Every structure is written in structure tokens, then in C-alpha cells.
Amino acid sequence: MEISKIRVFMKYELHRGATTRQAVVNINSVFGIQVATNATVVRWRKEFRSGDFDLCNEPRGQPKTQMDNDVLKATVEANSS
């Protein structure tokens, strides 16, 4: 299940006044598997309480390249094995 769908259920549980533990139990009982954890519900509760109801992930960007691609290409071409 996509995390964005689970966040909708967490938002619903917060609006209906469920505790973190109740929210975890309710969400997991619907799906029969552990899709929500205490840590996840606590983190999203903080987001929602701060007024951020955006359910999407924040862009994280791509990590910086550790090696110069030209150097790597020259090394491979020099020794293709």
C-alpha cells in the first residue's frame, strides 16, 4: 500500500480524536498487516498539528556525485576488464 494512502487514514484518525495507539490499532486492523507504526503516526501527528496537511513527500534531491564522470569513463576505457 502506498504511504500517501496510509497518511490519509492517519489524518482521519487525528480528526476523530484517536490516540496514537488507537490510530495504529485501527489502521492495522483494517488492512490485516502492520502498515502503521507508533513512530510513523507520531511523526505525522506533529506535521498535522503544525498545520501542514500536505500528504506528499518533500523532494529530497539527488546526492552529489562522489567521482568525476570523466575520470571514471577514462579509467574504464583504459582497462575494460
PDB file of N, CA and C in Angstrom:
ATOM      1  N   MET A   1       0.842  -1.177   0.000  1.00  0.00           N
ATOM      2  CA  MET A   1       0.000   0.000   0.000  1.00  0.00           C
ATOM      3  C   MET A   1       0.888   1.242   0.000  1.00  0.00           C
ATOM      4  N   GLU A   2       0.480   2.238  -0.756  1.00  0.00           N
ATOM      5  CA  GLU A   2       1.241   3.476  -0.850  1.00  0.00           C
ATOM      6  C   GLU A   2       1.147   4.257   0.460  1.00  0.00           C
ATOM      7  N   ILE A   3       2.284   4.831   0.848  1.00  0.00           N
ATOM      8  CA  ILE A   3       2.330   5.576   2.112  1.00  0.00           C
ATOM      9  C   ILE A   3       1.390   6.766   2.092  1.00  0.00           C
ATOM     10  N   SER A   4       1.180   7.376   0.926  1.00  0.00           N
ATOM     11  CA  SER A   4       0.283   8.531   0.865  1.00  0.00           C
ATOM     12  C   SER A   4      -1.145   8.154   1.239  1.00  0.00           C
ATOM     13  N   LYS A   5      -1.550   6.917   0.928  1.00  0.00           N
ATOM     14  CA  LYS A   5      -2.889   6.456   1.312  1.00  0.00           C
ATOM     15  C   LYS A   5      -2.980   6.221   2.813  1.00  0.00           C
ATOM     16  N   ILE A   6      -1.916   5.728   3.390  1.00  0.00           N
ATOM     17  CA  ILE A   6      -1.894   5.497   4.840  1.00  0.00           C
ATOM     18  C   ILE A   6      -1.962   6.831   5.580  1.00  0.00           C
ATOM     19  N   ARG A   7      -1.323   7.858   5.017  1.00  0.00           N
ATOM     20  CA  ARG A   7      -1.350   9.181   5.644  1.00  0.00           C
ATOM     21  C   ARG A   7      -2.765   9.731   5.716  1.00  0.00           C
ATOM     22  N   VAL A   8      -3.581   9.410   4.728  1.00  0.00           N
ATOM     23  CA  VAL A   8      -4.978   9.849   4.751  1.00  0.00           C
ATOM     24  C   VAL A   8      -5.687   9.247   5.966  1.00  0.00           C
ATOM     25  N   PHE A   9      -5.424   7.976   6.229  1.00  0.00           N
ATOM     26  CA  PHE A   9      -6.040   7.327   7.392  1.00  0.00           C
ATOM     27  C   PHE A   9      -5.515   7.924   8.694  1.00  0.00           C
ATOM     28  N   MET A  10      -4.216   8.263   8.726  1.00  0.00           N
ATOM     29  CA  MET A  10      -3.668   8.894   9.930  1.00  0.00           C
ATOM     30  C   MET A  10      -4.327  10.248  10.160  1.00  0.00           C
ATOM     31  N   LYS A  11      -4.518  11.000   9.093  1.00  0.00           N
ATOM     32  CA  LYS A  11      -5.186  12.299   9.195  1.00  0.00           C
ATOM     33  C   LYS A  11      -6.616  12.116   9.702  1.00  0.00           C
ATOM     34  N   TYR A  12      -7.312  11.119   9.178  1.00  0.00           N
ATOM     35  CA  TYR A  12      -8.676  10.828   9.614  1.00  0.00           C
ATOM     36  C   TYR A  12      -8.708  10.502  11.108  1.00  0.00           C
ATOM     37  N   GLU A  13      -7.795   9.630  11.538  1.00  0.00           N
ATOM     38  CA  GLU A  13      -7.751   9.229  12.951  1.00  0.00           C
ATOM     39  C   GLU A  13      -7.471  10.434  13.854  1.00  0.00           C
ATOM     40  N   LEU A  14      -6.602  11.329  13.430  1.00  0.00           N
ATOM     41  CA  LEU A  14      -6.328  12.530  14.213  1.00  0.00           C
ATOM     42  C   LEU A  14      -7.583  13.385  14.344  1.00  0.00           C
ATOM     43  N   HIS A  15      -8.302  13.557  13.232  1.00  0.00           N
ATOM     44  CA  HIS A  15      -9.503  14.385  13.262  1.00  0.00           C
ATOM     45  C   HIS A  15     -10.613  13.778  14.106  1.00  0.00           C
ATOM     46  N   ARG A  16     -10.641  12.472  14.200  1.00  0.00           N
ATOM     47  CA  ARG A  16     -11.690  11.867  15.032  1.00  0.00           C
ATOM     48  C   ARG A  16     -11.279  11.756  16.490  1.00  0.00           C
ATOM     49  N   GLY A  17     -10.047  12.180  16.821  1.00  0.00           N
ATOM     50  CA  GLY A  17      -9.623  12.253  18.214  1.00  0.00           C
ATOM     51  C   GLY A  17      -8.974  11.001  18.765  1.00  0.00           C
ATOM     52  N   ALA A  18      -8.565  10.078  17.908  1.00  0.00           N
ATOM     53  CA  ALA A  18      -7.926   8.849  18.372  1.00  0.00           C
ATOM     54  C   ALA A  18      -6.530   9.144  18.905  1.00  0.00           C
ATOM     55  N   THR A  19      -6.125   8.393  19.913  1.00  0.00           N
ATOM     56  CA  THR A  19      -4.749   8.488  20.405  1.00  0.00           C
ATOM     57  C   THR A  19      -3.836   7.835  19.371  1.00  0.00           C
ATOM     58  N   THR A  20      -2.541   8.015  19.553  1.00  0.00           N
ATOM     59  CA  THR A  20      -1.574   7.388  18.639  1.00  0.00           C
ATOM     60  C   THR A  20      -1.770   5.885  18.616  1.00  0.00           C
ATOM     61  N   ARG A  21      -1.877   5.288  19.779  1.00  0.00           N
ATOM     62  CA  ARG A  21      -2.036   3.825  19.876  1.00  0.00           C
ATOM     63  C   ARG A  21      -3.332   3.376  19.212  1.00  0.00           C
ATOM     64  N   GLN A  22      -4.420   4.091  19.478  1.00  0.00           N
ATOM     65  CA  GLN A  22      -5.701   3.739  18.854  1.00  0.00           C
ATOM     66  C   GLN A  22      -5.616   3.851  17.338  1.00  0.00           C
ATOM     67  N   ALA A  23      -4.952   4.888  16.848  1.00  0.00           N
ATOM     68  CA  ALA A  23      -4.816   5.079  15.405  1.00  0.00           C
ATOM     69  C   ALA A  23      -4.053   3.917  14.770  1.00  0.00           C
ATOM     70  N   VAL A  24      -2.960   3.495  15.404  1.00  0.00           N
ATOM     71  CA  VAL A  24      -2.169   2.371  14.888  1.00  0.00           C
ATOM     72  C   VAL A  24      -3.017   1.106  14.848  1.00  0.00           C
ATOM     73  N   VAL A  25      -3.711   0.825  15.930  1.00  0.00           N
ATOM     74  CA  VAL A  25      -4.552  -0.374  16.000  1.00  0.00           C
ATOM     75  C   VAL A  25      -5.657  -0.317  14.952  1.00  0.00           C
ATOM     76  N   ASN A  26      -6.325   0.816  14.834  1.00  0.00           N
ATOM     77  CA  ASN A  26      -7.428   0.944  13.877  1.00  0.00           C
ATOM     78  C   ASN A  26      -6.954   0.783  12.440  1.00  0.00           C
ATOM     79  N   ILE A  27      -5.866   1.442  12.086  1.00  0.00           N
ATOM     80  CA  ILE A  27      -5.355   1.361  10.717  1.00  0.00           C
ATOM     81  C   ILE A  27      -4.892  -0.056  10.397  1.00  0.00           C
ATOM     82  N   ASN A  28      -4.138  -0.659  11.306  1.00  0.00           N
ATOM     83  CA  ASN A  28      -3.635  -2.011  11.054  1.00  0.00           C
ATOM     84  C   ASN A  28      -4.745  -3.054  11.052  1.00  0.00           C
ATOM     85  N   SER A  29      -5.801  -2.849  11.824  1.00  0.00           N
ATOM     86  CA  SER A  29      -6.892  -3.827  11.840  1.00  0.00           C
ATOM     87  C   SER A  29      -7.664  -3.823  10.526  1.00  0.00           C
ATOM     88  N   VAL A  30      -7.698  -2.697   9.851  1.00  0.00           N
ATOM     89  CA  VAL A  30      -8.392  -2.621   8.564  1.00  0.00           C
ATOM     90  C   VAL A  30      -7.645  -3.416   7.498  1.00  0.00           C
ATOM     91  N   PHE A  31      -6.313  -3.342   7.502  1.00  0.00           N
ATOM     92  CA  PHE A  31      -5.526  -3.954   6.442  1.00  0.00           C
ATOM     93  C   PHE A  31      -4.979  -5.331   6.807  1.00  0.00           C
ATOM     94  N   GLY A  32      -5.057  -5.701   8.071  1.00  0.00           N
ATOM     95  CA  GLY A  32      -4.615  -7.024   8.481  1.00  0.00           C
ATOM     96  C   GLY A  32      -3.110  -7.203   8.515  1.00  0.00           C
ATOM     97  N   ILE A  33      -2.380  -6.162   8.234  1.00  0.00           N
ATOM     98  CA  ILE A  33      -0.922  -6.196   8.308  1.00  0.00           C
ATOM     99  C   ILE A  33      -0.461  -4.916   8.987  1.00  0.00           C
ATOM    100  N   GLN A  34       0.790  -4.899   9.393  1.00  0.00           N
ATOM    101  CA  GLN A  34       1.297  -3.714  10.075  1.00  0.00           C
ATOM    102  C   GLN A  34       1.754  -2.683   9.042  1.00  0.00           C
ATOM    103  N   VAL A  35       0.849  -1.791   8.690  1.00  0.00           N
ATOM    104  CA  VAL A  35       1.182  -0.720   7.753  1.00  0.00           C
ATOM    105  C   VAL A  35       1.468   0.585   8.477  1.00  0.00           C
ATOM    106  N   ALA A  36       1.019   0.701   9.714  1.00  0.00           N
ATOM    107  CA  ALA A  36       1.262   1.902  10.512  1.00  0.00           C
ATOM    108  C   ALA A  36       2.010   1.508  11.778  1.00  0.00           C
ATOM    109  N   THR A  37       2.966   2.336  12.158  1.00  0.00           N
ATOM    110  CA  THR A  37       3.702   2.119  13.408  1.00  0.00           C
ATOM    111  C   THR A  37       3.503   3.338  14.303  1.00  0.00           C
ATOM    112  N   ASN A  38       3.794   3.170  15.583  1.00  0.00           N
ATOM    113  CA  ASN A  38       3.685   4.291  16.520  1.00  0.00           C
ATOM    114  C   ASN A  38       4.546   5.461  16.065  1.00  0.00           C
ATOM    115  N   ALA A  39       5.778   5.174  15.647  1.00  0.00           N
ATOM    116  CA  ALA A  39       6.699   6.239  15.249  1.00  0.00           C
ATOM    117  C   ALA A  39       6.159   7.018  14.049  1.00  0.00           C
ATOM    118  N   THR A  40       5.600   6.306  13.089  1.00  0.00           N
ATOM    119  CA  THR A  40       5.068   6.964  11.895  1.00  0.00           C
ATOM    120  C   THR A  40       3.875   7.838  12.239  1.00  0.00           C
ATOM    121  N   VAL A  41       2.974   7.322  13.049  1.00  0.00           N
ATOM    122  CA  VAL A  41       1.781   8.089  13.426  1.00  0.00           C
ATOM    123  C   VAL A  41       2.184   9.317  14.238  1.00  0.00           C
ATOM    124  N   VAL A  42       3.145   9.173  15.148  1.00  0.00           N
ATOM    125  CA  VAL A  42       3.611  10.318  15.948  1.00  0.00           C
ATOM    126  C   VAL A  42       4.203  11.393  15.044  1.00  0.00           C
ATOM    127  N   ARG A  43       5.032  10.985  14.081  1.00  0.00           N
ATOM    128  CA  ARG A  43       5.663  11.951  13.183  1.00  0.00           C
ATOM    129  C   ARG A  43       4.628  12.718  12.373  1.00  0.00           C
ATOM    130  N   TRP A  44       3.633  11.997  11.831  1.00  0.00           N
ATOM    131  CA  TRP A  44       2.615  12.666  11.018  1.00  0.00           C
ATOM    132  C   TRP A  44       1.657  13.482  11.875  1.00  0.00           C
ATOM    133  N   ARG A  45       1.419  13.063  13.099  1.00  0.00           N
ATOM    134  CA  ARG A  45       0.592  13.850  14.019  1.00  0.00           C
ATOM    135  C   ARG A  45       1.211  15.225  14.237  1.00  0.00           C
ATOM    136  N   LYS A  46       2.550  15.246  14.404  1.00  0.00           N
ATOM    137  CA  LYS A  46       3.250  16.524  14.586  1.00  0.00           C
ATOM    138  C   LYS A  46       3.080  17.404  13.356  1.00  0.00           C
ATOM    139  N   GLU A  47       3.187  16.805  12.167  1.00  0.00           N
ATOM    140  CA  GLU A  47       3.004  17.569  10.929  1.00  0.00           C
ATOM    141  C   GLU A  47       1.600  18.164  10.878  1.00  0.00           C
ATOM    142  N   PHE A  48       0.602  17.350  11.145  1.00  0.00           N
ATOM    143  CA  PHE A  48      -0.786  17.797  11.064  1.00  0.00           C
ATOM    144  C   PHE A  48      -1.080  18.872  12.105  1.00  0.00           C
ATOM    145  N   ARG A  49      -0.570  18.685  13.307  1.00  0.00           N
ATOM    146  CA  ARG A  49      -0.830  19.667  14.370  1.00  0.00           C
ATOM    147  C   ARG A  49      -0.159  20.998  14.105  1.00  0.00           C
ATOM    148  N   SER A  50       0.942  20.965  13.332  1.00  0.00           N
ATOM    149  CA  SER A  50       1.620  22.223  12.996  1.00  0.00           C
ATOM    150  C   SER A  50       0.909  22.953  11.862  1.00  0.00           C
ATOM    151  N   GLY A  51      -0.152  22.316  11.330  1.00  0.00           N
ATOM    152  CA  GLY A  51      -0.920  22.947  10.265  1.00  0.00           C
ATOM    153  C   GLY A  51      -0.548  22.477   8.875  1.00  0.00           C
ATOM    154  N   ASP A  52       0.417  21.571   8.778  1.00  0.00           N
ATOM    155  CA  ASP A  52       0.841  21.047   7.481  1.00  0.00           C
ATOM    156  C   ASP A  52       0.037  19.790   7.171  1.00  0.00           C
ATOM    157  N   PHE A  53      -0.963  19.934   6.301  1.00  0.00           N
ATOM    158  CA  PHE A  53      -1.805  18.800   5.948  1.00  0.00           C
ATOM    159  C   PHE A  53      -1.469  18.254   4.564  1.00  0.00           C
ATOM    160  N   ASP A  54      -0.328  18.662   4.007  1.00  0.00           N
ATOM    161  CA  ASP A  54       0.118  18.147   2.722  1.00  0.00           C
ATOM    162  C   ASP A  54       0.542  16.692   2.913  1.00  0.00           C
ATOM    163  N   LEU A  55      -0.029  15.798   2.148  1.00  0.00           N
ATOM    164  CA  LEU A  55       0.220  14.371   2.324  1.00  0.00           C
ATOM    165  C   LEU A  55       1.344  13.840   1.434  1.00  0.00           C
ATOM    166  N   CYS A  56       1.986  14.713   0.681  1.00  0.00           N
ATOM    167  CA  CYS A  56       3.037  14.295  -0.248  1.00  0.00           C
ATOM    168  C   CYS A  56       4.402  14.325   0.425  1.00  0.00           C
ATOM    169  N   ASN A  57       5.328  13.555  -0.136  1.00  0.00           N
ATOM    170  CA  ASN A  57       6.708  13.588   0.330  1.00  0.00           C
ATOM    171  C   ASN A  57       7.380  14.856  -0.153  1.00  0.00           C
ATOM    172  N   GLU A  58       8.268  15.370   0.652  1.00  0.00           N
ATOM    173  CA  GLU A  58       9.075  16.517   0.250  1.00  0.00           C
ATOM    174  C   GLU A  58      10.159  16.023  -0.706  1.00  0.00           C
ATOM    175  N   PRO A  59      10.458  16.802  -1.740  1.00  0.00           N
ATOM    176  CA  PRO A  59      11.552  16.384  -2.624  1.00  0.00           C
ATOM    177  C   PRO A  59      12.870  16.387  -1.867  1.00  0.00           C
ATOM    178  N   ARG A  60      13.651  15.379  -2.088  1.00  0.00           N
ATOM    179  CA  ARG A  60      14.907  15.241  -1.354  1.00  0.00           C
ATOM    180  C   ARG A  60      16.126  15.560  -2.207  1.00  0.00           C
ATOM    181  N   GLY A  61      15.958  15.555  -3.510  1.00  0.00           N
ATOM    182  CA  GLY A  61      17.088  15.838  -4.382  1.00  0.00           C
ATOM    183  C   GLY A  61      17.965  14.618  -4.574  1.00  0.00           C
ATOM    184  N   GLN A  62      18.903  14.762  -5.473  1.00  0.00           N
ATOM    185  CA  GLN A  62      19.805  13.658  -5.770  1.00  0.00           C
ATOM    186  C   GLN A  62      21.126  13.905  -5.060  1.00  0.00           C
ATOM    187  N   PRO A  63      21.725  12.864  -4.496  1.00  0.00           N
ATOM    188  CA  PRO A  63      23.006  13.051  -3.822  1.00  0.00           C
ATOM    189  C   PRO A  63      24.076  13.516  -4.814  1.00  0.00           C
ATOM    190  N   LYS A  64      25.047  14.244  -4.303  1.00  0.00           N
ATOM    191  CA  LYS A  64      26.161  14.704  -5.121  1.00  0.00           C
ATOM    192  C   LYS A  64      26.990  13.509  -5.580  1.00  0.00           C
ATOM    193  N   THR A  65      27.478  13.586  -6.807  1.00  0.00           N
ATOM    194  CA  THR A  65      28.335  12.539  -7.347  1.00  0.00           C
ATOM    195  C   THR A  65      29.660  12.548  -6.597  1.00  0.00           C
ATOM    196  N   GLN A  66      30.108  11.371  -6.196  1.00  0.00           N
ATOM    197  CA  GLN A  66      31.344  11.253  -5.438  1.00  0.00           C
ATOM    198  C   GLN A  66      32.575  11.269  -6.347  1.00  0.00           C
ATOM    199  N   MET A  67      32.380  10.927  -7.623  1.00  0.00           N
ATOM    200  CA  MET A  67      33.505  10.816  -8.537  1.00  0.00           C
ATOM    201  C   MET A  67      33.213  11.605  -9.802  1.00  0.00           C
ATOM    202  N   ASP A  68      34.251  12.137 -10.386  1.00  0.00           N
ATOM    203  CA  ASP A  68      34.132  12.852 -11.656  1.00  0.00           C
ATOM    204  C   ASP A  68      33.834  11.827 -12.751  1.00  0.00           C
ATOM    205  N   ASN A  69      32.736  12.008 -13.467  1.00  0.00           N
ATOM    206  CA  ASN A  69      32.343  11.055 -14.501  1.00  0.00           C
ATOM    207  C   ASN A  69      33.383  10.924 -15.611  1.00  0.00           C
ATOM    208  N   ASP A  70      34.084  12.004 -15.951  1.00  0.00           N
ATOM    209  CA  ASP A  70      35.110  11.941 -16.991  1.00  0.00           C
ATOM    210  C   ASP A  70      36.272  11.056 -16.550  1.00  0.00           C
ATOM    211  N   VAL A  71      36.655  11.160 -15.284  1.00  0.00           N
ATOM    212  CA  VAL A  71      37.732  10.321 -14.748  1.00  0.00           C
ATOM    213  C   VAL A  71      37.297   8.866 -14.763  1.00  0.00           C
ATOM    214  N   LEU A  72      36.070   8.593 -14.364  1.00  0.00           N
ATOM    215  CA  LEU A  72      35.553   7.225 -14.361  1.00  0.00           C
ATOM    216  C   LEU A  72      35.524   6.656 -15.776  1.00  0.00           C
ATOM    217  N   LYS A  73      35.057   7.418 -16.729  1.00  0.00           N
ATOM    218  CA  LYS A  73      34.975   6.977 -18.117  1.00  0.00           C
ATOM    219  C   LYS A  73      36.371   6.675 -18.650  1.00  0.00           C
ATOM    220  N   ALA A  74      37.358   7.534 -18.388  1.00  0.00           N
ATOM    221  CA  ALA A  74      38.723   7.327 -18.848  1.00  0.00           C
ATOM    222  C   ALA A  74      39.320   6.078 -18.223  1.00  0.00           C
ATOM    223  N   THR A  75      39.013   5.845 -16.958  1.00  0.00           N
ATOM    224  CA  THR A  75      39.526   4.659 -16.267  1.00  0.00           C
ATOM    225  C   THR A  75      38.943   3.388 -16.874  1.00  0.00           C
ATOM    226  N   VAL A  76      37.674   3.379 -17.147  1.00  0.00           N
ATOM    227  CA  VAL A  76      37.012   2.207 -17.749  1.00  0.00           C
ATOM    228  C   VAL A  76      37.537   1.952 -19.151  1.00  0.00           C
ATOM    229  N   GLU A  77      37.693   3.014 -19.926  1.00  0.00           N
ATOM    230  CA  GLU A  77      38.189   2.854 -21.296  1.00  0.00           C
ATOM    231  C   GLU A  77      39.636   2.353 -21.318  1.00  0.00           C
ATOM    232  N   ALA A  78      40.431   2.753 -20.325  1.00  0.00           N
ATOM    233  CA  ALA A  78      41.818   2.324 -20.256  1.00  0.00           C
ATOM    234  C   ALA A  78      41.931   0.869 -19.872  1.00  0.00           C
ATOM    235  N   ASN A  79      41.002   0.383 -19.065  1.00  0.00           N
ATOM    236  CA  ASN A  79      41.036  -1.020 -18.615  1.00  0.00           C
ATOM    237  C   ASN A  79      39.610  -1.537 -18.590  1.00  0.00           C
ATOM    238  N   SER A  80      39.161  -2.081 -19.689  1.00  0.00           N
ATOM    239  CA  SER A  80      37.762  -2.500 -19.803  1.00  0.00           C
ATOM    240  C   SER A  80      37.438  -3.785 -19.056  1.00  0.00           C
ATOM    241  N   SER A  81      38.457  -4.459 -18.534  1.00  0.00           N
ATOM    242  CA  SER A  81      38.189  -5.700 -17.808  1.00  0.00           C
ATOM    243  C   SER A  81      37.721  -5.375 -16.418  1.00  0.00           C
TER     244      SER A  81
END
